[in-house]
Amino acid sequence: IEEIVVTATKRETSLLFTPLAITALSGAYLDEIGARQFEDYFSKVPGLNAIDAGAGRKRYIIRGVNIIDAVGSQSTVAQYLDEVPITDNFDRQPDPILVDIDRVEVLRGPQGTLFGARSMAGTVRTITRKPVFNETEGSASATLSLTKFGSESVSVNGVINIPLVDDKLALRLVGFYNDESGYIDNEFPGGLFVTTFAPPG
């Protein structure tokens, strides 16, 4: 059985011996299920859900703990990319593309001691793969799909790891291109839809 190492306590520990309520999805598993974004894996994590208000405006929910969306309200789930919080001051939570990901850690809360005020219900951490110092490696993949009532969608990504100084310095480059087809027709091509308002009387 493959051992999963997590950093939920700010240091590397085995998932099996970490005294926290954690679900960790390895990068290999995410690749196996074809996960590219949050909606592709959240159903695999018990108690994790989200309210989707559009691109970059998700609100994550763990164990059903949520605050009614209002001016000044804060998210109850913090989101991190490696060690960097990516939930902004308006509680907009982006959806990182899952390319060259080591694992996703979902920590059930409260997690405020280690991850701040927005972690009352928990924390979602997306951990990227680190450079490899003694081996040149790389990978690439491409996906083509069709949208019903729409057109083609294309996704291409690639990774290359180059050691520069043995056991001291390496360069890891990651790139991706994603073009998703829509399914809503533009009834006003090349123009603007303008509405007018005339006051009564």
Protein backbone atom coordinates (compact mmCIF):
# COMPACT_ATOMS: atom_id res chain seq x y z
CA ILE A 1 0.00 0.00 0.00
CA GLU A 2 1.41 3.36 -1.01
CA GLU A 3 2.14 5.66 1.93
CA ILE A 4 0.68 9.17 1.63
CA VAL A 5 2.72 11.91 3.30
CA VAL A 6 0.83 15.07 4.29
CA THR A 7 1.91 18.45 5.64
CA ALA A 8 -1.30 19.40 7.45
CA THR A 9 0.64 20.01 10.68
CA LYS A 10 3.27 22.14 8.88
CA ARG A 11 5.68 19.23 8.78
CA GLU A 12 5.78 15.99 6.82
CA THR A 13 3.89 13.14 8.51
CA SER A 14 2.31 9.92 7.34
CA LEU A 15 -1.44 10.26 6.78
CA LEU A 16 -1.96 7.08 8.79
CA PHE A 17 -0.33 8.55 11.91
CA THR A 18 -1.56 12.17 11.66
CA PRO A 19 -4.06 12.91 14.48
CA LEU A 20 -6.38 15.06 12.34
CA ALA A 21 -9.50 14.43 10.27
CA ILE A 22 -7.91 14.53 6.80
CA THR A 23 -8.80 13.21 3.38
CA ALA A 24 -5.81 13.21 1.02
CA LEU A 25 -6.14 12.53 -2.71
CA SER A 26 -2.81 11.73 -4.33
CA GLY A 27 -1.78 13.17 -7.68
CA ALA A 28 -1.76 9.67 -9.18
CA TYR A 29 -5.39 9.17 -8.10
CA LEU A 30 -6.41 12.57 -9.47
CA ASP A 31 -4.81 11.65 -12.81
CA GLU A 32 -6.55 8.26 -12.74
CA ILE A 33 -10.02 9.79 -12.42
CA GLY A 34 -9.19 12.56 -14.90
CA ALA A 35 -9.65 15.36 -12.35
CA ARG A 36 -8.88 18.80 -13.75
CA GLN A 37 -10.67 21.00 -11.22
CA PHE A 38 -12.63 21.00 -7.97
CA GLU A 39 -15.88 19.64 -9.41
CA ASP A 40 -14.04 16.52 -10.64
CA TYR A 41 -12.98 15.33 -7.18
CA PHE A 42 -15.14 16.91 -4.44
CA SER A 43 -17.64 14.03 -4.50
CA LYS A 44 -14.79 11.70 -3.43
CA VAL A 45 -14.35 13.62 -0.15
CA PRO A 46 -16.90 12.99 2.63
CA GLY A 47 -18.58 16.18 3.86
CA LEU A 48 -17.13 18.46 1.15
CA ASN A 49 -19.41 20.53 -1.06
CA ALA A 50 -19.53 23.97 -2.68
CA ILE A 51 -21.80 26.76 -3.81
CA ASP A 52 -20.80 27.76 -7.34
CA ALA A 53 -21.58 31.40 -8.15
CA GLY A 54 -19.47 31.46 -11.33
CA ALA A 55 -15.84 31.37 -12.35
CA GLY A 56 -13.58 32.20 -9.42
CA ARG A 57 -16.52 32.62 -7.04
CA LYS A 58 -16.94 29.23 -5.40
CA ARG A 59 -17.70 28.98 -1.70
CA TYR A 60 -16.48 25.71 -0.19
CA ILE A 61 -18.52 23.98 2.52
CA ILE A 62 -17.26 21.28 4.91
CA ARG A 63 -19.60 19.41 7.27
CA GLY A 64 -22.44 21.71 6.20
CA VAL A 65 -20.98 24.74 8.02
CA ASN A 66 -21.64 27.89 6.00
CA ILE A 67 -22.40 31.58 6.46
CA ILE A 68 -25.26 33.10 4.49
CA ASP A 69 -23.76 35.13 1.66
CA ALA A 70 -23.95 38.76 2.71
CA VAL A 71 -21.84 41.88 2.54
CA GLY A 72 -18.85 41.42 4.83
CA SER A 73 -19.40 37.69 5.41
CA GLN A 74 -16.34 35.46 5.46
CA SER A 75 -15.83 32.01 4.04
CA THR A 76 -15.76 29.20 6.61
CA VAL A 77 -13.26 27.16 4.55
CA ALA A 78 -9.76 28.43 3.73
CA GLN A 79 -8.14 27.53 0.42
CA TYR A 80 -4.38 27.20 -0.01
CA LEU A 81 -2.07 26.61 -2.95
CA ASP A 82 0.98 25.05 -1.28
CA GLU A 83 1.51 27.41 1.68
CA VAL A 84 -0.15 30.46 0.11
CA PRO A 85 -3.78 31.37 0.96
CA ILE A 86 -5.71 32.13 -2.24
CA THR A 87 -9.08 33.14 -0.79
CA ASP A 88 -9.21 36.91 -1.26
CA ASN A 89 -10.70 39.60 0.99
CA PHE A 90 -14.06 39.27 -0.77
CA ASP A 91 -14.08 35.49 -0.17
CA ARG A 92 -13.78 34.67 -3.84
CA GLN A 93 -12.18 31.24 -4.14
CA PRO A 94 -10.48 30.37 -7.44
CA ASP A 95 -10.44 26.86 -8.88
CA PRO A 96 -6.81 25.82 -9.55
CA ILE A 97 -6.25 23.68 -12.64
CA LEU A 98 -4.92 20.32 -11.42
CA VAL A 99 -1.72 20.02 -13.45
CA ASP A 100 1.42 18.51 -11.88
CA ILE A 101 -0.27 18.14 -8.48
CA ASP A 102 1.27 16.05 -5.71
CA ARG A 103 -1.95 15.81 -3.68
CA VAL A 104 -5.05 17.60 -2.46
CA GLU A 105 -5.55 17.70 1.32
CA VAL A 106 -8.98 18.39 2.81
CA LEU A 107 -8.74 19.12 6.55
CA ARG A 108 -11.97 19.11 8.51
CA GLY A 109 -12.15 21.97 10.96
CA PRO A 110 -11.81 23.90 12.99
CA GLN A 111 -8.30 24.60 11.67
CA GLY A 112 -7.86 28.21 12.80
CA THR A 113 -4.72 27.49 14.87
CA LEU A 114 -2.67 26.58 11.79
CA PHE A 115 -4.57 28.13 8.90
CA GLY A 116 -6.21 31.33 10.12
CA ALA A 117 -9.61 32.88 10.70
CA ARG A 118 -11.29 31.55 7.57
CA SER A 119 -10.74 27.91 8.61
CA MET A 120 -13.66 27.43 11.00
CA ALA A 121 -15.09 24.54 8.95
CA GLY A 122 -11.76 23.38 7.55
CA THR A 123 -9.11 23.92 4.90
CA VAL A 124 -8.60 22.74 1.31
CA ARG A 125 -4.92 22.58 0.30
CA THR A 126 -3.67 21.94 -3.24
CA ILE A 127 -0.03 20.82 -3.07
CA THR A 128 2.08 21.02 -6.23
CA ARG A 129 4.91 18.61 -7.09
CA LYS A 130 8.37 19.79 -6.11
CA PRO A 131 11.46 19.79 -8.38
CA VAL A 132 13.51 16.60 -8.55
CA PHE A 133 17.23 17.31 -8.11
CA ASN A 134 18.82 14.19 -9.63
CA GLU A 135 16.64 13.22 -12.60
CA THR A 136 15.41 14.73 -15.84
CA GLU A 137 11.75 13.96 -16.37
CA GLY A 138 8.73 15.27 -18.19
CA SER A 139 5.22 14.51 -19.32
CA ALA A 140 2.57 15.85 -21.64
CA SER A 141 -1.08 15.17 -22.33
CA ALA A 142 -3.88 16.45 -24.53
CA THR A 143 -7.65 16.08 -24.38
CA LEU A 144 -10.27 16.77 -27.04
CA SER A 145 -13.98 16.71 -26.20
CA LEU A 146 -17.31 17.80 -27.65
CA THR A 147 -20.04 19.77 -25.92
CA LYS A 148 -23.64 18.94 -26.79
CA PHE A 149 -25.20 21.95 -28.56
CA GLY A 150 -21.72 23.50 -28.47
CA SER A 151 -18.37 22.84 -30.14
CA GLU A 152 -14.96 21.32 -29.42
CA SER A 153 -13.03 21.77 -26.18
CA VAL A 154 -9.25 21.41 -26.12
CA SER A 155 -6.91 20.91 -23.17
CA VAL A 156 -3.11 20.58 -23.41
CA ASN A 157 -0.55 20.50 -20.60
CA GLY A 158 3.11 19.67 -20.16
CA VAL A 159 5.74 19.37 -17.45
CA ILE A 160 9.53 19.23 -17.63
CA ASN A 161 12.01 18.87 -14.77
CA ILE A 162 15.70 19.69 -15.36
CA PRO A 163 18.41 19.27 -12.69
CA LEU A 164 20.90 22.14 -12.74
CA VAL A 165 23.19 21.38 -9.79
CA ASP A 166 23.19 17.86 -8.33
CA ASP A 167 21.15 17.67 -5.11
CA LYS A 168 21.04 21.47 -4.86
CA LEU A 169 19.17 23.12 -7.72
CA ALA A 170 16.59 22.08 -10.29
CA LEU A 171 14.16 23.77 -12.64
CA ARG A 172 10.57 22.53 -13.03
CA LEU A 173 8.39 24.15 -15.68
CA VAL A 174 4.64 23.58 -15.95
CA GLY A 175 2.35 24.92 -18.63
CA PHE A 176 -1.21 24.35 -19.76
CA TYR A 177 -3.76 25.57 -22.29
CA ASN A 178 -7.48 25.12 -21.74
CA ASP A 179 -10.26 26.15 -24.15
CA GLU A 180 -13.74 25.10 -23.03
CA SER A 181 -16.65 25.35 -25.42
CA GLY A 182 -19.86 27.06 -24.37
CA TYR A 183 -23.39 26.04 -25.22
CA ILE A 184 -25.23 29.40 -25.14
CA ASP A 185 -25.67 31.17 -28.47
CA ASN A 186 -24.72 34.84 -28.80
CA GLU A 187 -27.81 36.45 -30.33
CA PHE A 188 -26.01 39.78 -30.75
CA PRO A 189 -22.75 38.92 -32.57
CA GLY A 190 -20.42 41.86 -33.01
CA GLY A 191 -22.62 44.22 -31.06
CA LEU A 192 -23.84 45.21 -27.63
CA PHE A 193 -27.17 44.56 -25.99
CA VAL A 194 -28.35 47.93 -24.75
CA THR A 195 -31.37 48.58 -22.57
CA THR A 196 -32.99 51.95 -22.02
CA PHE A 197 -34.96 53.20 -19.07
CA ALA A 198 -37.49 55.98 -19.23
CA PRO A 199 -38.78 57.43 -15.96
CA PRO A 200 -42.56 57.35 -15.56
CA GLY A 201 -44.46 60.47 -16.58
